Structures are given as C-alpha cells and as structure tokens.
Amino acid sequence: MKLRSISTTVAAVLLAVLSMYPANGQHANRTLVPTETRIAVGNTSLYGRTMGSGRPVIILHGGPDFDHDYLVPDMDRLGDAFRLIYYDQRGRGRSAENVRPQDVTLVSDIEDLDKVREHFRFERAILLGHSWGAVLALEYALRHPTRVSQLILMNPAPASTSDVAVMRKAYLAKLGADMDRQRELVASAAYQAGDPDAVTARYQIHFKPALKRPSDYERLMTRMSAGFAKQGKEGIVKARAVEDQLMRDTWQMAGYDLIPKLRNLRVPTLVITGDHDFIPVEIAEHIAEAIPKARLVVIKDCGHFAFLECPKETRHALNAFFQKPK
C-alpha cells in the first residue's frame, strides 16, 4: 500500500487535465451525451445511465438510500476518459417500481450488480464505489474477485463495526450541538413521512461538516434538495426502509468485519479520501492497508465528495492508478 498526499501545485494541475483517452471534435460531443437503459432484475428493472468513452466503469452510488443523481454532473467530467455506467440500486431513485423494501438485501444488491455487469457484457468490470457504494463494491469483489478488474473506492464508508464506532465518535464531535437539532428533525412527523423539505433540512445538518468549502456544500445541497423533491414522499420512505434493511445486513450485525477478508483480495485498488472528510482518514487507511494491491491517495483540503470538491486532484489520482503497470 502506497500513501500519497496531493496538493494543488502547478504540476499537479497540468497532469490532472490530461486524460488517458483524449477525445476531440464531433466524436467527443457525441460520446458525452448520456444514454438511458433499463436492466431487468427479478420482477422489476434498474435504471441505468451511460456516457463517455474509454475504459468502462460501473459506478455505485452511496446512501445507501440515495440514487445516482447526486454524482452528476460532476462525475461526468470523467466521461472524456472513461465510459461511465451509473445505475440506481434497487428500491431507490428510478429503480423503485414494484419493489418491496423487505425484499432488498445485501445479497440482492450484489446479485443486481452482477446483472448490470452481465447486461453490458463485461467479463470483468472496473467498479467505482462512493461512500456506501465502496462497501457494496468490496462485498461484490470478495464474492466474485475474478469478475472485477480494478476497484476505485472513493471516500469509503467503514468496512467493519469497529470503524463504524470510530466514524460515529468523530461525527458527533464535528456536529456538536447541531446533533440535537438533527435528532429533532429526524423525530418530526414531516421527516418520518418523507417530506422533501424536512429531509433536505436534515441533510443540511448532516453534510455541513462533510465538505471543506461552503460553496461546494451549497452546490451539493441544492442538488440534493432537487433530488428529494423529485423522489417524493413515497420514494423517500421506500429508500429509507431499504437502507434500514441494508444496515441490518452489515453494520448492525455483531462482528461485521471485512478487513480480514480483504487481505486475500488481489484486485488492484485505488482508495481516495479527503483530509477534511467527515469519515476519518484512518477508515480509508484500514481498507487500503488490508488490500495487498491497494494505493491510498489522501487529497488535501478535500471532504467527502472528492469528485465534486477536488475534480483535478481526483483525475490525477485516477490517471496515475491506471497508468501504473498491473
């Protein structure tokens, strides 16, 4: 495991703007127009969105009660170098039709990811998981290591109950008195009913310590507020119930711990985090230290949304990772 700290220098910026698969002219404009698809799973289907050209990357959103919308358009910047494949996980976003929350489990999420891989006819896939999506990526890779070519874990959530405790302690310290206000909001009738305004107000508190710069925080919250309004009360409540089930399958399980298993994972892995992430850097370190072929990049002056807050440094880290001989 190699540790690098990226600062905003002239050299870094120049390197960051380089892509591995440069595109130009009419071809670039065509490939950067997103296309939509539906992927059959069980008695429903998953919403998919693809754009770009180059190495195909399946992107796993966080939450786990969110959908992929918070990732765009900032993650789309990578479309000039990669073919980006987003999808809304089952029971969330535009993948919620005919879905009962009790039928969505960690196992079904892993099976759905495999269906996405098969749909696009990848023998092996590059997985990029953000936050909770990194946990899903690890769970999949541990079960199907021969179906994963590379892992990109961006601002990863904890991979063990002990690190969940570390995260919660740091989170409470960062929120301070705002935690009482957040508890009041979560207990309110409006929040429990999935009212988009109440949900937005809660996440304004939740994500306040997660980003380094106020301008990035405002941009994120504007996007999330629009997403909650589009999702509506029914969609919010359903996604929240799915999240509860996934928590029971992972962080709430006694002794949940992927770290020992990761020591046997031979998939080349890039772990990206920010030094101002509200998830402590040591959690990303524990994951990177466990995976034999992992590289850890800690981006300076960056929070929990590296793709949004620090796009140049994130691009530089990805370029360096894919240029490194396997």
Protein backbone atom coordinates (compact mmCIF):
# COMPACT_ATOMS: atom_id res chain seq x y z
CA MET A 1 0.00 0.00 0.00
CA LYS A 2 1.39 3.39 -1.05
CA LEU A 3 0.33 6.67 0.53
CA ARG A 4 0.40 9.91 -1.39
CA SER A 5 -0.84 13.35 -0.40
CA ILE A 6 -1.87 15.58 -3.27
CA SER A 7 -1.59 19.36 -3.04
CA THR A 8 -2.67 21.90 -5.61
CA THR A 9 0.56 22.65 -7.41
CA VAL A 10 1.10 23.78 -10.97
CA ALA A 11 2.47 20.35 -11.88
CA ALA A 12 -0.50 18.56 -10.36
CA VAL A 13 -2.96 20.76 -12.20
CA LEU A 14 -1.19 20.22 -15.53
CA LEU A 15 -1.17 16.46 -15.02
CA ALA A 16 -4.77 16.44 -13.86
CA VAL A 17 -6.15 17.84 -17.08
CA LEU A 18 -4.62 15.01 -19.08
CA SER A 19 -6.92 12.08 -19.75
CA MET A 20 -5.93 8.58 -20.68
CA TYR A 21 -8.33 8.54 -23.61
CA PRO A 22 -8.40 12.05 -25.04
CA ALA A 23 -11.29 12.80 -27.32
CA ASN A 24 -11.95 15.79 -29.50
CA GLY A 25 -14.26 17.28 -32.09
CA GLN A 26 -17.57 15.73 -33.09
CA HIS A 27 -16.72 12.34 -31.57
CA ALA A 28 -16.21 13.87 -28.13
CA ASN A 29 -19.55 15.68 -28.24
CA ARG A 30 -21.36 12.53 -29.26
CA THR A 31 -19.86 10.26 -26.60
CA LEU A 32 -20.51 12.78 -23.81
CA VAL A 33 -24.26 12.69 -24.39
CA PRO A 34 -25.79 10.32 -21.80
CA THR A 35 -27.98 7.39 -22.83
CA GLU A 36 -30.52 5.62 -20.64
CA THR A 37 -31.33 1.93 -20.29
CA ARG A 38 -33.33 -0.49 -18.16
CA ILE A 39 -31.75 -3.64 -16.71
CA ALA A 40 -34.11 -6.48 -15.82
CA VAL A 41 -33.79 -7.87 -12.28
CA GLY A 42 -36.46 -10.15 -10.82
CA ASN A 43 -39.93 -8.62 -11.27
CA THR A 44 -38.59 -5.11 -11.78
CA SER A 45 -35.79 -3.30 -13.59
CA LEU A 46 -32.92 -1.00 -12.70
CA TYR A 47 -32.49 2.43 -14.23
CA GLY A 48 -29.12 2.82 -15.96
CA ARG A 49 -27.33 5.80 -17.46
CA THR A 50 -24.16 5.65 -19.55
CA MET A 51 -21.92 8.27 -21.05
CA GLY A 52 -18.38 8.79 -22.28
CA SER A 53 -15.80 6.55 -23.91
CA GLY A 54 -12.72 4.64 -22.84
CA ARG A 55 -12.39 2.10 -20.06
CA PRO A 56 -15.89 1.17 -18.82
CA VAL A 57 -16.51 1.88 -15.13
CA ILE A 58 -19.60 0.80 -13.17
CA ILE A 59 -20.37 3.48 -10.59
CA LEU A 60 -22.01 2.57 -7.27
CA HIS A 61 -23.74 5.44 -5.50
CA GLY A 62 -23.80 5.95 -1.76
CA GLY A 63 -26.52 6.42 0.80
CA PRO A 64 -27.50 3.66 0.70
CA ASP A 65 -30.87 5.43 0.47
CA PHE A 66 -29.71 7.81 -2.29
CA ASP A 67 -29.73 7.27 -6.05
CA HIS A 68 -27.05 8.19 -8.58
CA ASP A 69 -28.26 11.77 -9.22
CA TYR A 70 -26.03 13.43 -6.62
CA LEU A 71 -22.99 12.20 -8.55
CA VAL A 72 -23.81 14.14 -11.70
CA PRO A 73 -22.83 16.28 -13.44
CA ASP A 74 -19.52 16.41 -11.54
CA MET A 75 -18.61 12.74 -12.01
CA ASP A 76 -19.48 13.15 -15.70
CA ARG A 77 -16.24 15.09 -16.13
CA LEU A 78 -14.53 11.69 -16.29
CA GLY A 79 -16.53 10.82 -19.40
CA ASP A 80 -13.76 12.04 -21.71
CA ALA A 81 -11.53 9.26 -20.36
CA PHE A 82 -13.95 6.55 -19.22
CA ARG A 83 -17.24 5.01 -20.24
CA LEU A 84 -19.30 5.76 -17.13
CA ILE A 85 -22.10 3.37 -16.21
CA TYR A 86 -24.40 4.62 -13.47
CA TYR A 87 -27.43 2.82 -12.10
CA ASP A 88 -29.94 3.37 -9.32
CA GLN A 89 -29.75 0.49 -6.86
CA ARG A 90 -32.95 -1.47 -6.33
CA GLY A 91 -35.66 0.34 -4.38
CA ARG A 92 -34.01 3.72 -4.88
CA GLY A 93 -34.47 6.50 -7.41
CA ARG A 94 -35.83 5.24 -10.72
CA SER A 95 -35.33 1.60 -9.70
CA ALA A 96 -38.17 1.50 -7.18
CA GLU A 97 -41.17 0.33 -9.19
CA ASN A 98 -42.70 -2.95 -7.94
CA VAL A 99 -40.03 -3.18 -5.23
CA ARG A 100 -40.87 -4.16 -1.65
CA PRO A 101 -38.20 -2.85 0.74
CA GLN A 102 -38.13 -6.13 2.67
CA ASP A 103 -37.02 -7.91 -0.50
CA VAL A 104 -33.91 -5.74 -0.90
CA THR A 105 -30.90 -7.17 0.93
CA LEU A 106 -27.13 -7.05 0.68
CA VAL A 107 -27.32 -10.31 -1.28
CA SER A 108 -29.87 -8.91 -3.75
CA ASP A 109 -27.78 -5.76 -4.22
CA ILE A 110 -24.74 -7.92 -5.03
CA GLU A 111 -26.80 -10.01 -7.44
CA ASP A 112 -28.13 -6.85 -9.09
CA LEU A 113 -24.61 -5.54 -9.60
CA ASP A 114 -23.75 -8.80 -11.31
CA LYS A 115 -26.80 -8.35 -13.55
CA VAL A 116 -25.52 -4.90 -14.51
CA ARG A 117 -22.13 -6.43 -15.39
CA GLU A 118 -23.83 -9.12 -17.50
CA HIS A 119 -26.14 -6.59 -19.18
CA PHE A 120 -23.13 -4.72 -20.54
CA ARG A 121 -21.34 -7.99 -21.36
CA PHE A 122 -18.27 -7.39 -19.24
CA GLU A 123 -16.26 -10.46 -18.35
CA ARG A 124 -14.59 -8.31 -15.70
CA ALA A 125 -15.60 -4.84 -14.58
CA ILE A 126 -13.98 -1.79 -13.04
CA LEU A 127 -16.07 -0.78 -10.02
CA LEU A 128 -16.11 2.73 -8.58
CA GLY A 129 -17.94 2.95 -5.28
CA HIS A 130 -18.53 6.23 -3.46
CA SER A 131 -19.14 6.22 0.31
CA TRP A 132 -21.57 3.33 0.97
CA GLY A 133 -21.03 2.28 -2.64
CA ALA A 134 -17.45 1.37 -1.67
CA VAL A 135 -18.81 -1.17 0.84
CA LEU A 136 -21.00 -2.70 -1.86
CA ALA A 137 -18.02 -2.82 -4.23
CA LEU A 138 -15.93 -4.65 -1.61
CA GLU A 139 -18.71 -7.10 -0.82
CA TYR A 140 -19.06 -7.90 -4.52
CA ALA A 141 -15.30 -8.21 -5.09
CA LEU A 142 -14.92 -10.59 -2.16
CA ARG A 143 -17.57 -12.89 -3.63
CA HIS A 144 -16.60 -12.50 -7.30
CA PRO A 145 -12.92 -11.49 -7.46
CA THR A 146 -12.47 -12.86 -10.99
CA ARG A 147 -15.26 -10.57 -12.23
CA VAL A 148 -13.53 -7.37 -11.06
CA SER A 149 -10.52 -5.93 -12.86
CA GLN A 150 -9.94 -2.86 -10.65
CA LEU A 151 -11.57 -1.23 -7.64
CA ILE A 152 -11.86 2.51 -7.03
CA LEU A 153 -13.06 3.26 -3.51
CA MET A 154 -13.86 6.95 -3.21
CA ASN A 155 -14.42 8.38 0.29
CA PRO A 156 -15.20 4.86 1.52
CA ALA A 157 -17.62 4.16 4.34
CA PRO A 158 -16.45 1.82 7.13
CA ALA A 159 -15.87 -1.84 6.35
CA SER A 160 -16.23 -3.04 9.96
CA THR A 161 -18.37 -2.36 13.03
CA SER A 162 -15.30 -1.15 14.91
CA ASP A 163 -14.69 1.50 12.26
CA VAL A 164 -18.38 2.42 12.32
CA ALA A 165 -17.85 3.27 16.01
CA VAL A 166 -14.81 5.37 15.07
CA MET A 167 -16.86 7.21 12.44
CA ARG A 168 -19.76 7.89 14.80
CA LYS A 169 -17.48 9.27 17.51
CA ALA A 170 -15.81 11.65 15.04
CA TYR A 171 -19.20 12.60 13.57
CA LEU A 172 -20.68 13.53 16.94
CA ALA A 173 -17.62 15.63 17.73
CA LYS A 174 -17.90 17.50 14.40
CA LEU A 175 -21.65 18.17 14.72
CA GLY A 176 -21.60 19.24 18.35
CA ALA A 177 -24.84 20.99 19.31
CA ASP A 178 -26.21 20.56 15.78
CA MET A 179 -26.74 16.88 16.61
CA ASP A 180 -29.65 17.81 18.91
CA ARG A 181 -31.31 19.76 16.10
CA GLN A 182 -30.81 16.84 13.73
CA ARG A 183 -32.39 14.42 16.20
CA GLU A 184 -35.40 16.73 16.49
CA LEU A 185 -35.79 16.81 12.71
CA VAL A 186 -35.49 13.03 12.33
CA ALA A 187 -38.16 12.53 15.03
CA SER A 188 -40.57 15.01 13.42
CA ALA A 189 -43.75 13.84 11.71
CA ALA A 190 -42.75 15.58 8.48
CA TYR A 191 -39.41 13.79 8.28
CA GLN A 192 -40.93 10.42 9.14
CA ALA A 193 -43.50 10.93 6.37
CA GLY A 194 -40.73 11.65 3.86
CA ASP A 195 -41.45 15.34 3.37
CA PRO A 196 -38.72 16.56 0.95
CA ASP A 197 -38.23 19.88 2.77
CA ALA A 198 -37.77 18.15 6.13
CA VAL A 199 -35.36 15.62 4.59
CA THR A 200 -33.36 18.43 2.98
CA ALA A 201 -33.17 20.25 6.32
CA ARG A 202 -31.84 17.11 7.99
CA TYR A 203 -29.15 16.57 5.36
CA GLN A 204 -28.13 20.22 5.52
CA ILE A 205 -27.07 19.48 9.08
CA HIS A 206 -25.69 16.03 8.28
CA PHE A 207 -23.39 17.16 5.48
CA LYS A 208 -22.34 20.52 6.92
CA PRO A 209 -19.05 19.11 8.30
CA ALA A 210 -18.54 16.82 5.29
CA LEU A 211 -17.19 19.36 2.82
CA LYS A 212 -14.27 21.76 3.11
CA ARG A 213 -15.63 24.78 1.22
CA PRO A 214 -19.05 26.43 1.80
CA SER A 215 -19.56 26.92 -1.95
CA ASP A 216 -19.25 23.17 -2.57
CA TYR A 217 -21.62 22.47 0.31
CA GLU A 218 -24.23 24.84 -1.14
CA ARG A 219 -23.87 23.25 -4.58
CA LEU A 220 -24.33 19.76 -3.15
CA MET A 221 -27.36 20.71 -1.07
CA THR A 222 -29.05 22.46 -3.99
CA ARG A 223 -28.66 19.27 -6.00
CA MET A 224 -29.84 17.03 -3.15
CA SER A 225 -32.85 19.22 -2.42
CA ALA A 226 -33.94 18.92 -6.05
CA GLY A 227 -33.38 15.17 -5.88
CA PHE A 228 -35.55 14.76 -2.78
CA ALA A 229 -38.33 16.80 -4.38
CA LYS A 230 -38.21 14.62 -7.49
CA GLN A 231 -38.14 11.44 -5.42
CA GLY A 232 -41.23 12.45 -3.46
CA LYS A 233 -42.51 11.21 -0.11
CA GLU A 234 -43.25 7.64 -1.20
CA GLY A 235 -39.84 7.20 -2.82
CA ILE A 236 -38.03 8.67 0.18
CA VAL A 237 -39.81 6.41 2.67
CA LYS A 238 -39.21 3.32 0.50
CA ALA A 239 -35.50 4.12 0.08
CA ARG A 240 -35.18 4.72 3.83
CA ALA A 241 -36.71 1.29 4.53
CA VAL A 242 -34.22 -0.26 2.11
CA GLU A 243 -31.39 1.47 3.95
CA ASP A 244 -32.63 0.04 7.27
CA GLN A 245 -32.54 -3.46 5.80
CA LEU A 246 -29.01 -3.00 4.45
CA MET A 247 -27.83 -1.72 7.82
CA ARG A 248 -29.20 -4.88 9.44
CA ASP A 249 -27.24 -6.91 6.90
CA THR A 250 -23.96 -5.10 7.61
CA TRP A 251 -23.12 -2.51 10.25
CA GLN A 252 -25.72 -3.73 12.73
CA MET A 253 -24.53 -7.32 12.55
CA ALA A 254 -22.43 -8.35 15.53
CA GLY A 255 -18.82 -8.66 14.45
CA TYR A 256 -19.30 -7.36 10.91
CA ASP A 257 -15.75 -7.02 9.61
CA LEU A 258 -14.46 -7.19 6.04
CA ILE A 259 -10.88 -6.26 6.92
CA PRO A 260 -9.52 -9.80 7.49
CA LYS A 261 -11.12 -10.98 4.23
CA LEU A 262 -9.63 -8.07 2.30
CA ARG A 263 -6.14 -9.37 2.99
CA ASN A 264 -6.81 -12.13 0.45
CA LEU A 265 -8.21 -9.80 -2.22
CA ARG A 266 -5.80 -9.50 -5.15
CA VAL A 267 -7.69 -6.88 -7.14
CA PRO A 268 -5.71 -3.68 -7.92
CA THR A 269 -7.38 -1.00 -5.82
CA LEU A 270 -7.29 2.78 -5.56
CA VAL A 271 -8.59 4.31 -2.33
CA ILE A 272 -9.28 8.06 -2.49
CA THR A 273 -10.25 10.17 0.50
CA GLY A 274 -10.00 13.77 1.65
CA ASP A 275 -8.26 15.15 4.70
CA HIS A 276 -11.47 17.05 5.58
CA ASP A 277 -13.84 14.12 5.05
CA PHE A 278 -16.24 13.68 7.97
CA ILE A 279 -15.36 9.99 7.78
CA PRO A 280 -11.92 9.82 9.46
CA VAL A 281 -8.97 9.17 7.15
CA GLU A 282 -7.98 6.17 9.26
CA ILE A 283 -11.01 4.26 7.96
CA ALA A 284 -9.74 4.56 4.38
CA GLU A 285 -6.27 3.66 5.68
CA HIS A 286 -7.55 0.45 7.26
CA ILE A 287 -9.09 -0.65 3.96
CA ALA A 288 -6.01 0.26 1.90
CA GLU A 289 -3.65 -1.42 4.35
CA ALA A 290 -5.66 -4.65 4.20
CA ILE A 291 -5.77 -5.00 0.41
CA PRO A 292 -2.36 -6.15 -0.90
CA LYS A 293 -2.60 -4.25 -4.21
CA ALA A 294 -4.11 -1.04 -2.87
CA ARG A 295 -2.89 2.52 -3.27
CA LEU A 296 -4.17 5.22 -0.91
CA VAL A 297 -4.44 8.85 -2.01
CA VAL A 298 -5.38 11.50 0.56
CA ILE A 299 -6.37 14.75 -1.14
CA LYS A 300 -5.53 17.92 0.72
CA ASP A 301 -8.33 20.41 1.52
CA CYS A 302 -10.97 17.96 0.31
CA GLY A 303 -14.02 16.48 2.02
CA HIS A 304 -16.42 13.57 1.47
CA PHE A 305 -17.27 14.35 -2.16
CA ALA A 306 -13.88 14.25 -3.87
CA PHE A 307 -15.39 14.10 -7.37
CA LEU A 308 -17.21 17.39 -6.71
CA GLU A 309 -14.78 19.25 -4.44
CA CYS A 310 -11.44 18.26 -5.96
CA PRO A 311 -12.02 17.10 -9.56
CA LYS A 312 -8.50 17.88 -10.80
CA GLU A 313 -6.77 16.01 -7.99
CA THR A 314 -9.22 13.13 -8.36
CA ARG A 315 -8.47 12.91 -12.09
CA HIS A 316 -4.75 12.96 -11.41
CA ALA A 317 -5.11 10.07 -8.93
CA LEU A 318 -7.12 8.04 -11.45
CA ASN A 319 -4.67 8.71 -14.27
CA ALA A 320 -1.72 7.63 -12.11
CA PHE A 321 -3.55 4.49 -10.99
CA PHE A 322 -4.42 3.31 -14.49
CA GLN A 323 -1.01 4.17 -15.91
CA LYS A 324 0.70 2.04 -13.25
CA PRO A 325 1.60 -1.44 -14.56
CA LYS A 326 -0.67 -4.13 -13.13
